[in-house]
Amino acid sequence: MPQDYSDRPRAVRYVVGCIGAAKAAAGYSAQPGPLRAGATPMPDPQPRRLDAERLAAVGVRTVHLAAVVALGAALLGAPLPAAAAAAATVASGLLLLAMDLRAARVRLVELAGVVVLLKLAAVAWVGFSATGAALALPVFWVLLVASSFSAHLPKGVRHWRPGSTRARPSSAGRPG
């Protein structure tokens, strides 16, 4: 038995009526269970296509994580060139930043953007300067913890603009 929408506002009744008319015109059954005579079953959902941009972002993020691991391993004494690992970390980090800027997921004037720029500068300093190399291991651990912490802050805090009086509130109930 169809649901009664007579107690709903006029706009809701109109939309429900349009949806029902469109389904009937397409030959879809409004009744659950066996199809009525002449009705067409709903088509199977198509598998989602993997978006090329998302695939590229996952690939670059994977390279970035591998470069960070290589840098940490080199700093802990593995026979890897720390400068090459630092270069890969900075290059992949810059590429991730460019992709996030293009997609408007981060802005350089917000806390998240400032943190990313500081992390990239610190990795370059550790990887390519003698004074940075002397402090490389403690700086690496501070960057690792700061990266994890800053990436999981609430959305309103990550997108706070320095100089602003307060963080943007996050939508209630939505993970940020």
C-alpha atoms as a PDB file:
ATOM      1  CA  MET A   1       0.000   0.000   0.000  1.00  0.00           C
ATOM      2  CA  PRO A   2       1.489   3.375  -0.980  1.00  0.00           C
ATOM      3  CA  GLN A   3       2.443   5.762   1.807  1.00  0.00           C
ATOM      4  CA  ASP A   4       0.026   8.650   2.422  1.00  0.00           C
ATOM      5  CA  TYR A   5       1.711  12.051   2.098  1.00  0.00           C
ATOM      6  CA  SER A   6      -1.451  14.130   2.581  1.00  0.00           C
ATOM      7  CA  ASP A   7      -0.178  15.550   5.886  1.00  0.00           C
ATOM      8  CA  ARG A   8       3.081  16.752   4.266  1.00  0.00           C
ATOM      9  CA  PRO A   9       3.663  20.219   2.812  1.00  0.00           C
ATOM     10  CA  ARG A  10       2.563  20.777  -0.764  1.00  0.00           C
ATOM     11  CA  ALA A  11       6.137  20.828  -2.103  1.00  0.00           C
ATOM     12  CA  VAL A  12       6.871  17.402  -0.624  1.00  0.00           C
ATOM     13  CA  ARG A  13       3.673  15.967  -2.119  1.00  0.00           C
ATOM     14  CA  TYR A  14       4.634  17.434  -5.508  1.00  0.00           C
ATOM     15  CA  VAL A  15       8.167  15.949  -5.444  1.00  0.00           C
ATOM     16  CA  VAL A  16       6.890  12.537  -4.334  1.00  0.00           C
ATOM     17  CA  GLY A  17       4.314  12.635  -7.118  1.00  0.00           C
ATOM     18  CA  CYS A  18       6.956  13.534  -9.718  1.00  0.00           C
ATOM     19  CA  ILE A  19       9.207  10.693  -8.590  1.00  0.00           C
ATOM     20  CA  GLY A  20       6.308   8.249  -8.757  1.00  0.00           C
ATOM     21  CA  ALA A  21       5.310   9.464 -12.210  1.00  0.00           C
ATOM     22  CA  ALA A  22       8.879   9.173 -13.481  1.00  0.00           C
ATOM     23  CA  LYS A  23       9.173   5.618 -12.155  1.00  0.00           C
ATOM     24  CA  ALA A  24       5.843   4.643 -13.687  1.00  0.00           C
ATOM     25  CA  ALA A  25       6.818   6.176 -17.045  1.00  0.00           C
ATOM     26  CA  ALA A  26      10.056   4.199 -16.987  1.00  0.00           C
ATOM     27  CA  GLY A  27       8.127   1.020 -16.222  1.00  0.00           C
ATOM     28  CA  TYR A  28       9.580   0.407 -12.773  1.00  0.00           C
ATOM     29  CA  SER A  29       7.419  -1.287 -10.183  1.00  0.00           C
ATOM     30  CA  ALA A  30       6.422   0.743  -7.140  1.00  0.00           C
ATOM     31  CA  GLN A  31       5.387  -2.387  -5.272  1.00  0.00           C
ATOM     32  CA  PRO A  32       7.934  -4.476  -3.390  1.00  0.00           C
ATOM     33  CA  GLY A  33       8.103  -8.154  -4.144  1.00  0.00           C
ATOM     34  CA  PRO A  34       7.316  -9.755  -7.494  1.00  0.00           C
ATOM     35  CA  LEU A  35       7.155  -7.455 -10.503  1.00  0.00           C
ATOM     36  CA  ARG A  36       3.822  -6.467 -11.890  1.00  0.00           C
ATOM     37  CA  ALA A  37       3.053  -7.466 -15.460  1.00  0.00           C
ATOM     38  CA  GLY A  38       4.996  -5.300 -17.891  1.00  0.00           C
ATOM     39  CA  ALA A  39       7.258  -3.793 -15.229  1.00  0.00           C
ATOM     40  CA  THR A  40      11.006  -3.625 -15.761  1.00  0.00           C
ATOM     41  CA  PRO A  41      13.345  -4.620 -12.902  1.00  0.00           C
ATOM     42  CA  MET A  42      15.766  -1.995 -11.576  1.00  0.00           C
ATOM     43  CA  PRO A  43      19.115  -2.307 -13.341  1.00  0.00           C
ATOM     44  CA  ASP A  44      22.081  -3.618 -11.374  1.00  0.00           C
ATOM     45  CA  PRO A  45      24.318  -0.835 -10.119  1.00  0.00           C
ATOM     46  CA  GLN A  46      27.420  -0.341 -12.204  1.00  0.00           C
ATOM     47  CA  PRO A  47      30.719  -0.845 -10.434  1.00  0.00           C
ATOM     48  CA  ARG A  48      32.277   2.469  -9.525  1.00  0.00           C
ATOM     49  CA  ARG A  49      35.023   3.649 -11.824  1.00  0.00           C
ATOM     50  CA  LEU A  50      38.217   4.624 -10.106  1.00  0.00           C
ATOM     51  CA  ASP A  51      38.706   8.332 -10.627  1.00  0.00           C
ATOM     52  CA  ALA A  52      42.116   9.024 -12.195  1.00  0.00           C
ATOM     53  CA  GLU A  53      42.795  12.017  -9.968  1.00  0.00           C
ATOM     54  CA  ARG A  54      42.031  10.044  -6.812  1.00  0.00           C
ATOM     55  CA  LEU A  55      44.234   7.199  -8.020  1.00  0.00           C
ATOM     56  CA  ALA A  56      47.067   9.660  -8.650  1.00  0.00           C
ATOM     57  CA  ALA A  57      46.629  11.168  -5.175  1.00  0.00           C
ATOM     58  CA  VAL A  58      46.762   7.714  -3.577  1.00  0.00           C
ATOM     59  CA  GLY A  59      49.885   6.888  -5.584  1.00  0.00           C
ATOM     60  CA  VAL A  60      51.657  10.116  -4.628  1.00  0.00           C
ATOM     61  CA  ARG A  61      50.639   9.685  -0.978  1.00  0.00           C
ATOM     62  CA  THR A  62      52.039   6.139  -1.038  1.00  0.00           C
ATOM     63  CA  VAL A  63      55.340   7.362  -2.494  1.00  0.00           C
ATOM     64  CA  HIS A  64      55.423  10.094   0.158  1.00  0.00           C
ATOM     65  CA  LEU A  65      54.915   7.605   2.991  1.00  0.00           C
ATOM     66  CA  ALA A  66      57.614   5.329   1.560  1.00  0.00           C
ATOM     67  CA  ALA A  67      59.983   8.309   1.315  1.00  0.00           C
ATOM     68  CA  VAL A  68      59.283   9.261   4.949  1.00  0.00           C
ATOM     69  CA  VAL A  69      59.987   5.665   6.031  1.00  0.00           C
ATOM     70  CA  ALA A  70      63.210   5.660   3.990  1.00  0.00           C
ATOM     71  CA  LEU A  71      64.266   8.958   5.560  1.00  0.00           C
ATOM     72  CA  GLY A  72      63.616   7.608   9.057  1.00  0.00           C
ATOM     73  CA  ALA A  73      65.482   4.416   8.272  1.00  0.00           C
ATOM     74  CA  ALA A  74      68.454   6.373   6.915  1.00  0.00           C
ATOM     75  CA  LEU A  75      68.530   8.556  10.023  1.00  0.00           C
ATOM     76  CA  LEU A  76      68.432   5.465  12.231  1.00  0.00           C
ATOM     77  CA  GLY A  77      71.487   3.986  10.480  1.00  0.00           C
ATOM     78  CA  ALA A  78      70.173   1.994   7.524  1.00  0.00           C
ATOM     79  CA  PRO A  79      72.523   2.024   4.538  1.00  0.00           C
ATOM     80  CA  LEU A  80      70.372   4.514   2.608  1.00  0.00           C
ATOM     81  CA  PRO A  81      71.355   7.999   1.464  1.00  0.00           C
ATOM     82  CA  ALA A  82      69.484  10.437   3.719  1.00  0.00           C
ATOM     83  CA  ALA A  83      69.720  13.214   1.130  1.00  0.00           C
ATOM     84  CA  ALA A  84      67.931  11.111  -1.511  1.00  0.00           C
ATOM     85  CA  ALA A  85      65.201  10.144   0.966  1.00  0.00           C
ATOM     86  CA  ALA A  86      64.809  13.788   2.004  1.00  0.00           C
ATOM     87  CA  ALA A  87      64.615  14.842  -1.655  1.00  0.00           C
ATOM     88  CA  ALA A  88      61.913  12.233  -2.350  1.00  0.00           C
ATOM     89  CA  THR A  89      60.007  13.322   0.765  1.00  0.00           C
ATOM     90  CA  VAL A  90      60.132  17.008  -0.202  1.00  0.00           C
ATOM     91  CA  ALA A  91      59.276  16.349  -3.865  1.00  0.00           C
ATOM     92  CA  SER A  92      56.312  14.103  -3.074  1.00  0.00           C
ATOM     93  CA  GLY A  93      55.202  16.505  -0.328  1.00  0.00           C
ATOM     94  CA  LEU A  94      55.257  19.424  -2.765  1.00  0.00           C
ATOM     95  CA  LEU A  95      53.263  17.377  -5.263  1.00  0.00           C
ATOM     96  CA  LEU A  96      50.694  16.485  -2.586  1.00  0.00           C
ATOM     97  CA  LEU A  97      50.486  20.150  -1.590  1.00  0.00           C
ATOM     98  CA  ALA A  98      49.935  21.176  -5.215  1.00  0.00           C
ATOM     99  CA  MET A  99      47.174  18.583  -5.622  1.00  0.00           C
ATOM    100  CA  ASP A 100      45.494  19.725  -2.397  1.00  0.00           C
ATOM    101  CA  LEU A 101      45.746  23.380  -3.420  1.00  0.00           C
ATOM    102  CA  ARG A 102      44.253  22.595  -6.836  1.00  0.00           C
ATOM    103  CA  ALA A 103      41.343  20.741  -5.244  1.00  0.00           C
ATOM    104  CA  ALA A 104      40.924  23.521  -2.617  1.00  0.00           C
ATOM    105  CA  ARG A 105      41.386  21.055   0.260  1.00  0.00           C
ATOM    106  CA  VAL A 106      44.005  23.286   1.849  1.00  0.00           C
ATOM    107  CA  ARG A 107      44.937  26.960   1.694  1.00  0.00           C
ATOM    108  CA  LEU A 108      48.364  28.331   2.514  1.00  0.00           C
ATOM    109  CA  VAL A 109      46.844  30.965   4.833  1.00  0.00           C
ATOM    110  CA  GLU A 110      45.173  28.320   7.022  1.00  0.00           C
ATOM    111  CA  LEU A 111      46.805  26.329   9.817  1.00  0.00           C
ATOM    112  CA  ALA A 112      46.966  23.163   7.677  1.00  0.00           C
ATOM    113  CA  GLY A 113      48.755  24.996   4.855  1.00  0.00           C
ATOM    114  CA  VAL A 114      51.222  26.693   7.211  1.00  0.00           C
ATOM    115  CA  VAL A 115      51.995  23.362   8.896  1.00  0.00           C
ATOM    116  CA  VAL A 116      52.659  21.681   5.523  1.00  0.00           C
ATOM    117  CA  LEU A 117      55.038  24.467   4.470  1.00  0.00           C
ATOM    118  CA  LEU A 118      56.883  24.248   7.813  1.00  0.00           C
ATOM    119  CA  LYS A 119      57.203  20.462   7.536  1.00  0.00           C
ATOM    120  CA  LEU A 120      58.591  20.686   3.988  1.00  0.00           C
ATOM    121  CA  ALA A 121      61.073  23.372   5.030  1.00  0.00           C
ATOM    122  CA  ALA A 122      62.187  21.320   8.037  1.00  0.00           C
ATOM    123  CA  VAL A 123      62.719  18.166   5.941  1.00  0.00           C
ATOM    124  CA  ALA A 124      64.722  20.158   3.382  1.00  0.00           C
ATOM    125  CA  TRP A 125      66.800  21.702   6.200  1.00  0.00           C
ATOM    126  CA  VAL A 126      67.489  18.281   7.733  1.00  0.00           C
ATOM    127  CA  GLY A 127      68.307  16.680   4.382  1.00  0.00           C
ATOM    128  CA  PHE A 128      70.409  19.382   2.779  1.00  0.00           C
ATOM    129  CA  SER A 129      72.254  21.345   5.478  1.00  0.00           C
ATOM    130  CA  ALA A 130      75.049  20.421   7.870  1.00  0.00           C
ATOM    131  CA  THR A 131      73.367  22.091  10.850  1.00  0.00           C
ATOM    132  CA  GLY A 132      70.087  20.315  10.049  1.00  0.00           C
ATOM    133  CA  ALA A 133      71.859  16.980   9.727  1.00  0.00           C
ATOM    134  CA  ALA A 134      73.229  17.352  13.264  1.00  0.00           C
ATOM    135  CA  LEU A 135      69.655  17.597  14.616  1.00  0.00           C
ATOM    136  CA  ALA A 136      68.077  15.285  12.061  1.00  0.00           C
ATOM    137  CA  LEU A 137      66.793  12.514  14.324  1.00  0.00           C
ATOM    138  CA  PRO A 138      65.009  14.685  16.925  1.00  0.00           C
ATOM    139  CA  VAL A 139      63.583  16.898  14.150  1.00  0.00           C
ATOM    140  CA  PHE A 140      62.355  13.786  12.301  1.00  0.00           C
ATOM    141  CA  TRP A 141      60.453  12.525  15.365  1.00  0.00           C
ATOM    142  CA  VAL A 142      58.958  15.957  16.079  1.00  0.00           C
ATOM    143  CA  LEU A 143      57.818  16.180  12.443  1.00  0.00           C
ATOM    144  CA  LEU A 144      56.358  12.682  12.521  1.00  0.00           C
ATOM    145  CA  VAL A 145      54.312  13.374  15.658  1.00  0.00           C
ATOM    146  CA  ALA A 146      53.312  16.862  14.486  1.00  0.00           C
ATOM    147  CA  SER A 147      52.201  15.460  11.119  1.00  0.00           C
ATOM    148  CA  SER A 148      49.985  12.842  12.680  1.00  0.00           C
ATOM    149  CA  PHE A 149      48.572  15.296  15.197  1.00  0.00           C
ATOM    150  CA  SER A 150      47.883  18.102  12.718  1.00  0.00           C
ATOM    151  CA  ALA A 151      46.312  15.769  10.157  1.00  0.00           C
ATOM    152  CA  HIS A 152      43.743  14.522  12.674  1.00  0.00           C
ATOM    153  CA  LEU A 153      42.716  17.805  14.271  1.00  0.00           C
ATOM    154  CA  PRO A 154      39.055  18.790  13.884  1.00  0.00           C
ATOM    155  CA  LYS A 155      38.247  20.411  10.556  1.00  0.00           C
ATOM    156  CA  GLY A 156      37.550  23.788  12.130  1.00  0.00           C
ATOM    157  CA  VAL A 157      41.015  23.858  13.722  1.00  0.00           C
ATOM    158  CA  ARG A 158      42.863  22.630  10.611  1.00  0.00           C
ATOM    159  CA  HIS A 159      41.253  25.388   8.557  1.00  0.00           C
ATOM    160  CA  TRP A 160      41.796  28.122  11.160  1.00  0.00           C
ATOM    161  CA  ARG A 161      43.498  31.186   9.719  1.00  0.00           C
ATOM    162  CA  PRO A 162      46.331  32.608  11.867  1.00  0.00           C
ATOM    163  CA  GLY A 163      45.305  36.075  12.975  1.00  0.00           C
ATOM    164  CA  SER A 164      41.659  35.027  13.185  1.00  0.00           C
ATOM    165  CA  THR A 165      40.086  35.104  16.642  1.00  0.00           C
ATOM    166  CA  ARG A 166      38.577  31.616  16.555  1.00  0.00           C
ATOM    167  CA  ALA A 167      38.471  28.373  14.607  1.00  0.00           C
ATOM    168  CA  ARG A 168      35.674  27.692  12.152  1.00  0.00           C
ATOM    169  CA  PRO A 169      33.155  25.394  13.797  1.00  0.00           C
ATOM    170  CA  SER A 170      33.022  21.881  12.439  1.00  0.00           C
ATOM    171  CA  SER A 171      29.688  20.471  11.272  1.00  0.00           C
ATOM    172  CA  ALA A 172      28.137  18.572  14.149  1.00  0.00           C
ATOM    173  CA  GLY A 173      28.245  14.826  13.706  1.00  0.00           C
ATOM    174  CA  ARG A 174      30.550  14.933  10.711  1.00  0.00           C
ATOM    175  CA  PRO A 175      34.101  13.703  11.006  1.00  0.00           C
ATOM    176  CA  GLY A 176      36.478  16.489  10.090  1.00  0.00           C
END
